[in-house]
Amino acid sequence: MASITKRGKTWAYRVYYYDEGKRKYVSKSGFKTKAEAKDASILKENELLVGKNISKEQMLLADYMENWKRLYKEDTISLKSISRINSIIDYVRTNYNIPLRDITHENYQSFLNDVAKTRSKETVKKYHTYVKAAIKHALRTQTLLHDPTTTAVLKGLEEKNKKVENKYLSKSEFDKLEKALLEDIQLDYTSRYIILFSMYTGARFGECLGMTWDCVDLENKTIKIEKGFDYHFTNDFTEGKTKSSKRKITIPDKLVEILKTLPVPEDQTQRIFKRISNNAINKALQLALSRAEIDKDITFHAMRHTHASILLANGVQLLTVSKRLGHADPNITLHTYAHIIDELEQEDNEKLNSIFSWVHWEYKTLINVVISTLYTPLGDLQHTPRYKHCFVAFFDAQKSPEIALGGFSSNFRSDHLGEIILFRPLFSCQSQVILNLQGVTCLLHWRLLISLPHLC
């Protein structure tokens, strides 16, 4: 039931409803006419009829996110991720703390645009991800009936985005860095060992710190990545970034030999690498890059990108790389390493073109057959060196017609050459070329053969 009242020069509505047996109401004012207030009250009543949670729609966004985090995120994700959510909630509380019911496509986009003024596009994406997750929950619980985040466009400071080439090293740079790290290495150079470990395995920093000796099988050249280590908050093991991050992978001989040089304690549940901060590891990496004369501004995480990029560039399948990295979905790998995938696609396109192309002769063009009444007997040309490969192919096709699809037409005469209207190679080598005649042959014109000495 709704009541419409006039307040000064504007109109207001009040819609009553029951929540757990208690009579409550929701109101809104500022309408220019009584009809506008009446229409708005009808919409509100309809929302109540479809089960909309009126009491919660009045919650402020920051409060709703806080409650969502407490119910669904605490004790399920890392403290680092919780800390990131807290910082986003604090920003929302200061800059966009409006009731859920007042969130629209337009003011939500304005909120993201304000975030983008001082932050990179990647950071804006994180803000959007967590706010959107809380709003999705509001939709599922009927607190909201529409999603104001669906049309969001993410922006950001492009200059803060790292160039693609600065996210990983090339194979030659990998080799130079490897040499710089191994040169004069000592047992107490923990940073070097951790960097090398990530270069060979693609493990995250926390995963490297979380490695224990009981997860290493040097005989079978495998390791189990089952946990991480939180040096920042708890100084203890973690469950890892995601469920899929627990994995068993093979390791190269180089890493096996490096690990053999490290002392193995009696208690093999102890960590392989002692506690070290991310800042310390990045400083060590910068020094190693300088010694290797590599002019790139990269962090430790680039070792993981480098590992994956080198594997992909050398033909290792995407699904294999995805599992090795511990990605929950191969699409994550596809998105992260799109630059490598694009390069490989270009190479594959060239291969496809080569596989399905016409015969590759010197000028890579198909010489048009000129119809003529001049024919040359085989006996006069088959001993001419210039046509040797052409006639080997021709005779082989005669001996094995099942290889030449369609065989020869009934017009073929053994003492004359036939004209090939359409052909392409089945395979080629130094001694012969097998021609696919496609069943559309008549007499082979001698002028076409003059164009074919480069077939082999």
Protein backbone atom coordinates (compact mmCIF):
# COMPACT_ATOMS: atom_id res chain seq x y z
CA MET A 1 0.00 0.00 0.00
CA ALA A 2 1.36 3.43 -0.91
CA SER A 3 0.58 6.93 0.26
CA ILE A 4 1.30 10.06 -1.79
CA THR A 5 1.91 13.35 0.03
CA LYS A 6 2.99 16.85 -0.90
CA ARG A 7 6.03 18.33 0.80
CA GLY A 8 6.34 22.00 0.01
CA LYS A 9 6.56 22.29 -3.76
CA THR A 10 7.34 18.61 -4.45
CA TRP A 11 5.62 15.28 -3.98
CA ALA A 12 6.70 12.13 -2.12
CA TYR A 13 5.58 8.55 -1.79
CA ARG A 14 5.73 6.08 1.09
CA VAL A 15 5.33 2.34 0.36
CA TYR A 16 4.60 0.04 3.29
CA TYR A 17 5.69 -3.59 3.58
CA TYR A 18 6.26 -6.28 6.20
CA ASP A 19 9.67 -7.63 7.11
CA GLU A 20 9.70 -10.58 9.57
CA GLY A 21 6.26 -9.56 10.84
CA LYS A 22 7.17 -5.92 11.36
CA ARG A 23 5.54 -3.14 9.35
CA LYS A 24 8.11 -1.00 7.60
CA TYR A 25 8.13 1.48 4.78
CA VAL A 26 10.35 2.90 2.09
CA SER A 27 9.93 6.45 0.86
CA LYS A 28 11.24 8.84 -1.72
CA SER A 29 10.58 12.54 -2.33
CA GLY A 30 11.40 15.25 -4.83
CA PHE A 31 8.86 14.47 -7.54
CA LYS A 32 7.54 17.50 -9.44
CA THR A 33 4.00 16.17 -9.78
CA LYS A 34 1.68 13.83 -7.91
CA ALA A 35 1.48 11.59 -11.01
CA GLU A 36 5.26 11.12 -11.03
CA ALA A 37 5.24 10.14 -7.36
CA LYS A 38 2.35 7.73 -7.98
CA ASP A 39 4.15 6.05 -10.91
CA ALA A 40 7.33 5.67 -8.85
CA SER A 41 5.39 4.14 -5.94
CA ILE A 42 3.83 1.57 -8.30
CA LEU A 43 7.28 0.56 -9.54
CA LYS A 44 8.43 0.14 -5.95
CA GLU A 45 5.40 -1.98 -5.10
CA ASN A 46 6.08 -4.17 -8.14
CA GLU A 47 9.64 -4.70 -6.90
CA LEU A 48 8.24 -5.87 -3.58
CA LEU A 49 5.91 -8.27 -5.38
CA VAL A 50 8.81 -9.97 -7.22
CA GLY A 51 10.68 -10.42 -3.95
CA LYS A 52 13.10 -7.53 -3.93
CA ASN A 53 14.88 -7.07 -0.60
CA ILE A 54 13.87 -3.50 0.16
CA SER A 55 15.65 -3.24 3.50
CA LYS A 56 19.05 -4.18 2.09
CA GLU A 57 18.82 -1.99 -1.00
CA GLN A 58 19.21 0.97 1.33
CA MET A 59 22.58 -0.29 2.56
CA LEU A 60 25.58 1.78 1.56
CA LEU A 61 27.83 0.10 -1.01
CA ALA A 62 30.90 0.02 1.26
CA ASP A 63 28.90 -1.61 4.07
CA TYR A 64 27.46 -4.18 1.69
CA MET A 65 30.96 -5.00 0.35
CA GLU A 66 32.25 -5.34 3.91
CA ASN A 67 29.51 -7.82 4.73
CA TRP A 68 30.09 -9.73 1.46
CA LYS A 69 33.82 -9.95 2.19
CA ARG A 70 33.22 -11.25 5.71
CA LEU A 71 30.75 -13.92 4.57
CA TYR A 72 32.43 -15.21 1.44
CA LYS A 73 36.07 -14.16 1.28
CA GLU A 74 37.60 -14.31 4.74
CA ASP A 75 39.36 -17.64 5.42
CA THR A 76 39.06 -18.60 1.75
CA ILE A 77 41.63 -16.34 0.08
CA SER A 78 45.08 -15.09 1.04
CA LEU A 79 45.57 -12.25 3.49
CA LYS A 80 47.20 -10.30 0.68
CA SER A 81 43.98 -10.53 -1.34
CA ILE A 82 41.93 -9.56 1.73
CA SER A 83 44.18 -6.55 2.18
CA ARG A 84 43.56 -5.54 -1.44
CA ILE A 85 39.78 -5.82 -0.95
CA ASN A 86 40.01 -3.71 2.22
CA SER A 87 41.83 -0.94 0.36
CA ILE A 88 39.15 -0.96 -2.36
CA ILE A 89 36.36 -0.83 0.24
CA ASP A 90 38.10 2.14 1.90
CA TYR A 91 38.25 3.93 -1.45
CA VAL A 92 34.54 3.22 -2.09
CA ARG A 93 33.64 4.44 1.39
CA THR A 94 35.35 7.75 0.68
CA ASN A 95 34.44 8.29 -2.97
CA TYR A 96 31.37 6.26 -3.94
CA ASN A 97 29.48 5.31 -0.80
CA ILE A 98 25.89 5.52 -2.01
CA PRO A 99 22.89 3.24 -1.28
CA LEU A 100 22.70 0.16 -3.53
CA ARG A 101 19.36 1.33 -4.93
CA ASP A 102 20.97 4.52 -6.25
CA ILE A 103 23.72 2.81 -8.25
CA THR A 104 23.16 3.36 -11.97
CA HIS A 105 25.12 2.55 -15.13
CA GLU A 106 26.06 6.21 -15.42
CA ASN A 107 27.29 6.94 -11.89
CA TYR A 108 29.11 3.58 -11.73
CA GLN A 109 30.98 4.47 -14.93
CA SER A 110 31.82 7.86 -13.43
CA PHE A 111 33.22 6.07 -10.36
CA LEU A 112 35.49 3.92 -12.55
CA ASN A 113 36.57 6.96 -14.56
CA ASP A 114 37.62 8.71 -11.34
CA VAL A 115 39.65 5.64 -10.33
CA ALA A 116 41.30 5.64 -13.77
CA LYS A 117 42.53 9.23 -13.42
CA THR A 118 45.37 8.20 -11.10
CA ARG A 119 45.68 4.45 -11.68
CA SER A 120 46.63 2.02 -14.43
CA LYS A 121 44.05 0.10 -16.41
CA GLU A 122 45.08 -3.12 -14.65
CA THR A 123 44.37 -1.54 -11.25
CA VAL A 124 41.01 -0.20 -12.44
CA LYS A 125 40.17 -3.74 -13.52
CA LYS A 126 40.80 -4.99 -9.96
CA TYR A 127 38.52 -2.32 -8.47
CA HIS A 128 35.82 -3.24 -10.98
CA THR A 129 36.24 -6.97 -10.31
CA TYR A 130 35.61 -6.75 -6.56
CA VAL A 131 32.83 -4.15 -6.66
CA LYS A 132 31.11 -6.13 -9.41
CA ALA A 133 31.40 -9.35 -7.38
CA ALA A 134 29.57 -7.74 -4.44
CA ILE A 135 26.87 -6.35 -6.77
CA LYS A 136 26.44 -9.79 -8.38
CA HIS A 137 25.71 -11.12 -4.90
CA ALA A 138 23.12 -8.38 -4.43
CA LEU A 139 21.45 -9.54 -7.64
CA ARG A 140 21.38 -13.17 -6.54
CA THR A 141 19.78 -12.22 -3.21
CA GLN A 142 17.14 -10.01 -4.87
CA THR A 143 18.58 -6.90 -3.24
CA LEU A 144 19.01 -5.47 -6.73
CA LEU A 145 17.01 -6.37 -9.81
CA HIS A 146 19.40 -5.04 -12.45
CA ASP A 147 23.18 -5.04 -12.84
CA PRO A 148 24.64 -1.53 -13.20
CA THR A 149 28.11 -2.90 -13.97
CA THR A 150 27.32 -4.65 -17.26
CA THR A 151 28.08 -1.69 -19.52
CA ALA A 152 31.26 -0.63 -17.72
CA VAL A 153 34.22 0.48 -19.84
CA LEU A 154 37.62 0.15 -18.19
CA LYS A 155 40.12 2.95 -18.67
CA GLY A 156 43.42 3.84 -17.04
CA LEU A 157 46.79 5.52 -17.36
CA GLU A 158 48.46 3.77 -20.27
CA GLU A 159 51.91 5.03 -19.30
CA LYS A 160 51.67 2.98 -16.11
CA ASN A 161 51.07 -0.20 -18.08
CA LYS A 162 54.28 -2.09 -18.75
CA LYS A 163 55.14 -2.75 -22.34
CA VAL A 164 54.66 -6.38 -23.33
CA GLU A 165 58.36 -6.85 -24.06
CA ASN A 166 59.18 -5.75 -20.50
CA LYS A 167 57.08 -8.50 -18.95
CA TYR A 168 59.39 -11.31 -20.00
CA LEU A 169 62.85 -12.10 -21.34
CA SER A 170 63.75 -13.53 -24.71
CA LYS A 171 65.57 -16.88 -24.87
CA SER A 172 68.91 -15.18 -25.48
CA GLU A 173 68.30 -12.85 -22.50
CA PHE A 174 67.27 -15.87 -20.42
CA ASP A 175 70.61 -17.51 -21.24
CA LYS A 176 72.57 -14.39 -20.31
CA LEU A 177 70.72 -13.97 -17.02
CA GLU A 178 71.18 -17.66 -16.21
CA LYS A 179 74.93 -17.30 -16.75
CA ALA A 180 75.08 -14.17 -14.56
CA LEU A 181 73.21 -15.92 -11.73
CA LEU A 182 75.32 -19.09 -11.82
CA GLU A 183 78.64 -17.30 -12.01
CA ASP A 184 80.41 -17.47 -8.60
CA ILE A 185 77.17 -18.59 -6.93
CA GLN A 186 77.42 -19.49 -3.23
CA LEU A 187 75.10 -21.34 -0.85
CA ASP A 188 74.09 -18.18 1.00
CA TYR A 189 73.00 -16.44 -2.23
CA THR A 190 69.37 -17.37 -1.60
CA SER A 191 67.98 -14.80 -4.02
CA ARG A 192 69.91 -16.27 -6.94
CA TYR A 193 68.67 -19.78 -6.22
CA ILE A 194 65.06 -18.61 -6.00
CA ILE A 195 65.31 -16.68 -9.27
CA LEU A 196 66.79 -19.71 -11.04
CA PHE A 197 64.11 -21.96 -9.55
CA SER A 198 61.35 -19.76 -10.99
CA MET A 199 63.12 -19.50 -14.36
CA TYR A 200 63.13 -23.30 -14.68
CA THR A 201 59.65 -23.98 -13.22
CA GLY A 202 57.48 -20.87 -13.67
CA ALA A 203 56.67 -20.96 -9.94
CA ARG A 204 55.30 -17.86 -8.22
CA PHE A 205 57.37 -16.13 -5.54
CA GLY A 206 55.22 -17.48 -2.68
CA GLU A 207 55.38 -20.96 -4.21
CA CYS A 208 59.17 -20.81 -4.32
CA LEU A 209 59.30 -19.86 -0.64
CA GLY A 210 56.78 -22.60 0.18
CA MET A 211 58.84 -25.40 -1.43
CA THR A 212 59.91 -28.11 1.04
CA TRP A 213 62.32 -30.99 0.45
CA ASP A 214 59.63 -33.64 0.77
CA CYS A 215 58.07 -32.22 -2.41
CA VAL A 216 61.23 -32.77 -4.46
CA ASP A 217 61.99 -36.01 -6.31
CA LEU A 218 65.43 -35.58 -7.85
CA GLU A 219 65.56 -39.17 -9.08
CA ASN A 220 62.42 -38.79 -11.21
CA LYS A 221 63.08 -35.10 -11.88
CA THR A 222 59.74 -33.87 -10.55
CA ILE A 223 58.52 -31.46 -7.90
CA LYS A 224 55.14 -30.99 -6.23
CA ILE A 225 53.98 -27.41 -5.81
CA GLU A 226 51.40 -27.77 -3.05
CA LYS A 227 51.61 -24.66 -0.92
CA GLY A 228 52.81 -21.10 -0.71
CA PHE A 229 54.44 -19.05 2.03
CA ASP A 230 53.20 -15.74 3.43
CA TYR A 231 56.24 -13.75 4.53
CA HIS A 232 54.26 -10.51 4.81
CA PHE A 233 51.41 -11.28 7.24
CA THR A 234 51.57 -14.68 8.94
CA ASN A 235 55.14 -15.84 8.24
CA ASP A 236 53.65 -19.30 7.66
CA PHE A 237 52.60 -21.69 4.89
CA THR A 238 49.47 -20.97 2.85
CA GLU A 239 47.18 -23.19 0.82
CA GLY A 240 48.35 -21.62 -2.41
CA LYS A 241 46.72 -19.04 -4.65
CA THR A 242 43.99 -21.34 -6.01
CA LYS A 243 42.98 -25.02 -5.85
CA SER A 244 44.43 -25.59 -9.31
CA SER A 245 47.77 -24.15 -8.21
CA LYS A 246 48.56 -27.50 -6.57
CA ARG A 247 50.41 -29.43 -9.23
CA LYS A 248 53.22 -31.85 -10.03
CA ILE A 249 55.66 -30.85 -12.76
CA THR A 250 58.87 -32.10 -14.29
CA ILE A 251 62.09 -30.13 -13.88
CA PRO A 252 65.07 -29.87 -16.25
CA ASP A 253 68.43 -31.49 -15.60
CA LYS A 254 69.98 -28.09 -14.88
CA LEU A 255 67.67 -27.52 -11.91
CA VAL A 256 68.25 -31.07 -10.68
CA GLU A 257 71.99 -30.41 -10.56
CA ILE A 258 71.52 -27.06 -8.83
CA LEU A 259 69.28 -28.57 -6.15
CA LYS A 260 71.81 -31.33 -5.55
CA THR A 261 74.33 -28.69 -4.46
CA LEU A 262 72.05 -27.53 -1.61
CA PRO A 263 72.21 -29.13 1.85
CA VAL A 264 69.23 -31.40 2.59
CA PRO A 265 68.11 -31.40 6.27
CA GLU A 266 66.99 -34.53 8.11
CA ASP A 267 63.54 -33.02 8.50
CA GLN A 268 62.48 -32.84 4.87
CA THR A 269 59.37 -30.83 5.71
CA GLN A 270 61.68 -27.82 6.08
CA ARG A 271 61.69 -25.18 3.38
CA ILE A 272 64.35 -25.27 0.67
CA PHE A 273 64.83 -21.50 0.62
CA LYS A 274 65.03 -19.31 3.69
CA ARG A 275 62.63 -16.43 4.23
CA ILE A 276 63.31 -13.40 2.05
CA SER A 277 61.21 -10.40 1.01
CA ASN A 278 59.97 -9.60 -2.45
CA ASN A 279 61.90 -6.33 -2.39
CA ALA A 280 65.15 -8.16 -1.65
CA ILE A 281 64.60 -10.63 -4.48
CA ASN A 282 63.88 -7.81 -6.93
CA LYS A 283 67.07 -5.98 -5.91
CA ALA A 284 69.07 -9.14 -6.52
CA LEU A 285 67.39 -9.54 -9.88
CA GLN A 286 68.24 -5.99 -10.93
CA LEU A 287 71.90 -6.58 -10.04
CA ALA A 288 71.93 -9.80 -12.07
CA LEU A 289 70.32 -8.04 -15.05
CA SER A 290 72.98 -5.36 -14.84
CA ARG A 291 75.78 -7.96 -14.81
CA ALA A 292 74.15 -9.69 -17.77
CA GLU A 293 73.87 -6.33 -19.60
CA ILE A 294 70.12 -6.69 -20.03
CA ASP A 295 68.40 -3.31 -20.16
CA LYS A 296 64.88 -4.19 -19.00
CA ASP A 297 62.80 -2.96 -16.10
CA ILE A 298 61.30 -6.23 -14.87
CA THR A 299 60.37 -7.77 -11.54
CA PHE A 300 60.66 -11.30 -10.20
CA HIS A 301 57.24 -12.24 -11.60
CA ALA A 302 58.69 -11.78 -15.09
CA MET A 303 60.57 -15.06 -14.52
CA ARG A 304 57.22 -16.86 -14.54
CA HIS A 305 56.19 -15.04 -17.74
CA THR A 306 59.57 -15.82 -19.29
CA HIS A 307 59.27 -19.52 -18.49
CA ALA A 308 55.83 -19.75 -20.10
CA SER A 309 56.76 -17.63 -23.12
CA ILE A 310 59.80 -19.76 -23.93
CA LEU A 311 57.77 -22.96 -23.68
CA LEU A 312 55.03 -21.62 -25.95
CA ALA A 313 57.52 -20.22 -28.44
CA ASN A 314 59.13 -23.66 -28.68
CA GLY A 315 55.90 -25.44 -29.50
CA VAL A 316 54.80 -26.71 -26.08
CA GLN A 317 51.01 -26.94 -26.14
CA LEU A 318 48.92 -24.29 -24.41
CA LEU A 319 47.11 -26.79 -22.16
CA THR A 320 50.44 -28.25 -20.99
CA VAL A 321 51.79 -24.79 -20.16
CA SER A 322 48.54 -23.87 -18.38
CA LYS A 323 48.74 -26.93 -16.13
CA ARG A 324 52.43 -26.32 -15.46
CA LEU A 325 51.68 -22.77 -14.32
CA GLY A 326 48.77 -23.89 -12.15
CA HIS A 327 46.17 -21.82 -13.97
CA ALA A 328 42.56 -22.65 -13.16
CA ASP A 329 41.52 -22.15 -16.78
CA PRO A 330 43.55 -22.35 -20.03
CA ASN A 331 41.85 -19.09 -21.05
CA ILE A 332 43.92 -17.37 -18.36
CA THR A 333 47.06 -18.62 -20.08
CA LEU A 334 45.67 -17.64 -23.47
CA HIS A 335 44.94 -14.10 -22.28
CA THR A 336 48.20 -13.64 -20.38
CA TYR A 337 50.42 -14.83 -23.20
CA ALA A 338 48.43 -13.51 -26.15
CA HIS A 339 51.57 -11.87 -27.56
CA ILE A 340 53.27 -15.24 -27.94
CA ILE A 341 50.11 -16.90 -29.26
CA ASP A 342 49.87 -14.19 -31.95
CA GLU A 343 53.46 -14.77 -33.02
CA LEU A 344 52.93 -18.53 -33.18
CA GLU A 345 49.72 -18.03 -35.15
CA GLN A 346 51.63 -16.09 -37.77
CA GLU A 347 54.16 -18.91 -38.04
CA ASP A 348 51.36 -21.49 -38.25
CA ASN A 349 49.68 -19.49 -41.01
CA GLU A 350 52.88 -19.68 -43.02
CA LYS A 351 53.05 -23.45 -42.44
CA LEU A 352 49.41 -23.86 -43.48
CA ASN A 353 50.04 -21.86 -46.61
CA SER A 354 53.02 -24.09 -47.38
CA ILE A 355 51.08 -27.31 -46.79
CA PHE A 356 48.11 -26.38 -48.96
CA SER A 357 49.87 -24.25 -51.54
CA TRP A 358 50.61 -25.00 -55.19
CA VAL A 359 54.01 -26.31 -56.28
CA HIS A 360 56.70 -23.91 -55.05
CA TRP A 361 58.89 -23.14 -58.01
CA GLU A 362 61.42 -20.37 -58.34
CA TYR A 363 59.07 -17.53 -59.21
CA LYS A 364 56.19 -18.92 -57.10
CA THR A 365 53.68 -18.25 -59.85
CA LEU A 366 51.60 -20.66 -61.89
CA ILE A 367 52.50 -20.42 -65.57
CA ASN A 368 49.37 -20.38 -67.70
CA VAL A 369 49.17 -23.24 -70.17
CA VAL A 370 49.19 -22.02 -73.76
CA ILE A 371 47.20 -24.32 -75.99
CA SER A 372 49.23 -25.34 -79.01
CA THR A 373 49.24 -28.07 -81.61
CA LEU A 374 52.95 -28.63 -81.10
CA TYR A 375 53.64 -31.81 -79.14
CA THR A 376 56.94 -33.47 -78.40
CA PRO A 377 57.32 -37.27 -78.09
CA LEU A 378 58.48 -38.46 -74.68
CA GLY A 379 61.43 -40.26 -76.20
CA ASP A 380 62.93 -36.97 -77.36
CA LEU A 381 62.70 -35.21 -73.95
CA GLN A 382 62.99 -37.81 -71.21
CA HIS A 383 66.79 -37.95 -71.46
CA THR A 384 67.19 -34.16 -71.36
CA PRO A 385 68.73 -33.27 -67.90
CA ARG A 386 66.67 -30.11 -67.66
CA TYR A 387 63.45 -32.15 -67.53
CA LYS A 388 64.76 -35.07 -65.51
CA HIS A 389 62.72 -34.43 -62.36
CA CYS A 390 59.58 -33.60 -64.28
CA PHE A 391 59.65 -36.90 -66.12
CA VAL A 392 60.55 -38.90 -63.03
CA ALA A 393 57.37 -37.53 -61.53
CA PHE A 394 55.44 -38.30 -64.69
CA PHE A 395 56.67 -41.86 -64.97
CA ASP A 396 56.19 -42.55 -61.24
CA ALA A 397 52.61 -41.43 -61.58
CA GLN A 398 52.21 -43.87 -64.45
CA LYS A 399 53.63 -46.74 -62.42
CA SER A 400 51.57 -45.87 -59.32
CA PRO A 401 48.33 -44.32 -60.56
CA GLU A 402 46.75 -44.76 -57.14
CA ILE A 403 49.15 -42.12 -55.82
CA ALA A 404 48.10 -39.61 -58.45
CA LEU A 405 44.49 -38.93 -57.49
CA GLY A 406 42.23 -39.49 -60.45
CA GLY A 407 44.94 -41.17 -62.52
CA PHE A 408 45.26 -40.37 -66.19
CA SER A 409 42.48 -39.60 -68.61
CA SER A 410 41.63 -41.88 -71.49
CA ASN A 411 43.03 -39.22 -73.83
CA PHE A 412 46.55 -39.92 -72.66
CA ARG A 413 48.94 -41.29 -75.30
CA SER A 414 52.13 -42.96 -74.14
CA ASP A 415 54.23 -41.31 -76.81
CA HIS A 416 53.12 -37.75 -76.07
CA LEU A 417 53.02 -35.44 -73.08
CA GLY A 418 49.65 -34.48 -71.66
CA GLU A 419 48.42 -31.04 -70.64
CA ILE A 420 47.66 -30.67 -66.90
CA ILE A 421 44.73 -28.35 -66.28
CA LEU A 422 44.87 -28.53 -62.44
CA PHE A 423 47.57 -30.02 -60.29
CA ARG A 424 49.29 -29.75 -56.90
CA PRO A 425 52.05 -31.80 -55.21
CA LEU A 426 51.39 -34.77 -52.96
CA PHE A 427 54.95 -34.71 -51.73
CA SER A 428 58.40 -33.80 -52.99
CA CYS A 429 62.03 -34.71 -52.39
CA GLN A 430 65.35 -34.41 -54.18
CA SER A 431 64.67 -37.23 -56.61
CA GLN A 432 61.03 -36.88 -57.59
CA VAL A 433 57.78 -34.97 -57.44
CA ILE A 434 54.46 -36.82 -57.40
CA LEU A 435 51.75 -34.83 -59.14
CA ASN A 436 48.09 -34.89 -58.18
CA LEU A 437 46.28 -34.98 -61.50
CA GLN A 438 42.78 -34.65 -59.97
CA GLY A 439 41.33 -36.59 -62.96
CA VAL A 440 41.30 -33.50 -65.19
CA THR A 441 44.22 -34.21 -67.52
CA CYS A 442 44.48 -34.19 -71.24
CA LEU A 443 47.71 -33.84 -73.23
CA LEU A 444 50.60 -32.31 -71.26
CA HIS A 445 51.82 -29.21 -73.05
CA TRP A 446 55.57 -29.03 -73.47
CA ARG A 447 55.70 -25.27 -72.74
CA LEU A 448 54.47 -25.91 -69.17
CA LEU A 449 57.28 -28.40 -68.61
CA ILE A 450 59.80 -25.80 -69.63
CA SER A 451 58.64 -23.83 -66.54
CA LEU A 452 59.12 -26.76 -64.16
CA PRO A 453 62.89 -27.42 -63.82
CA HIS A 454 62.82 -25.95 -60.28
CA LEU A 455 60.32 -28.42 -58.87
CA CYS A 456 62.98 -30.37 -56.91
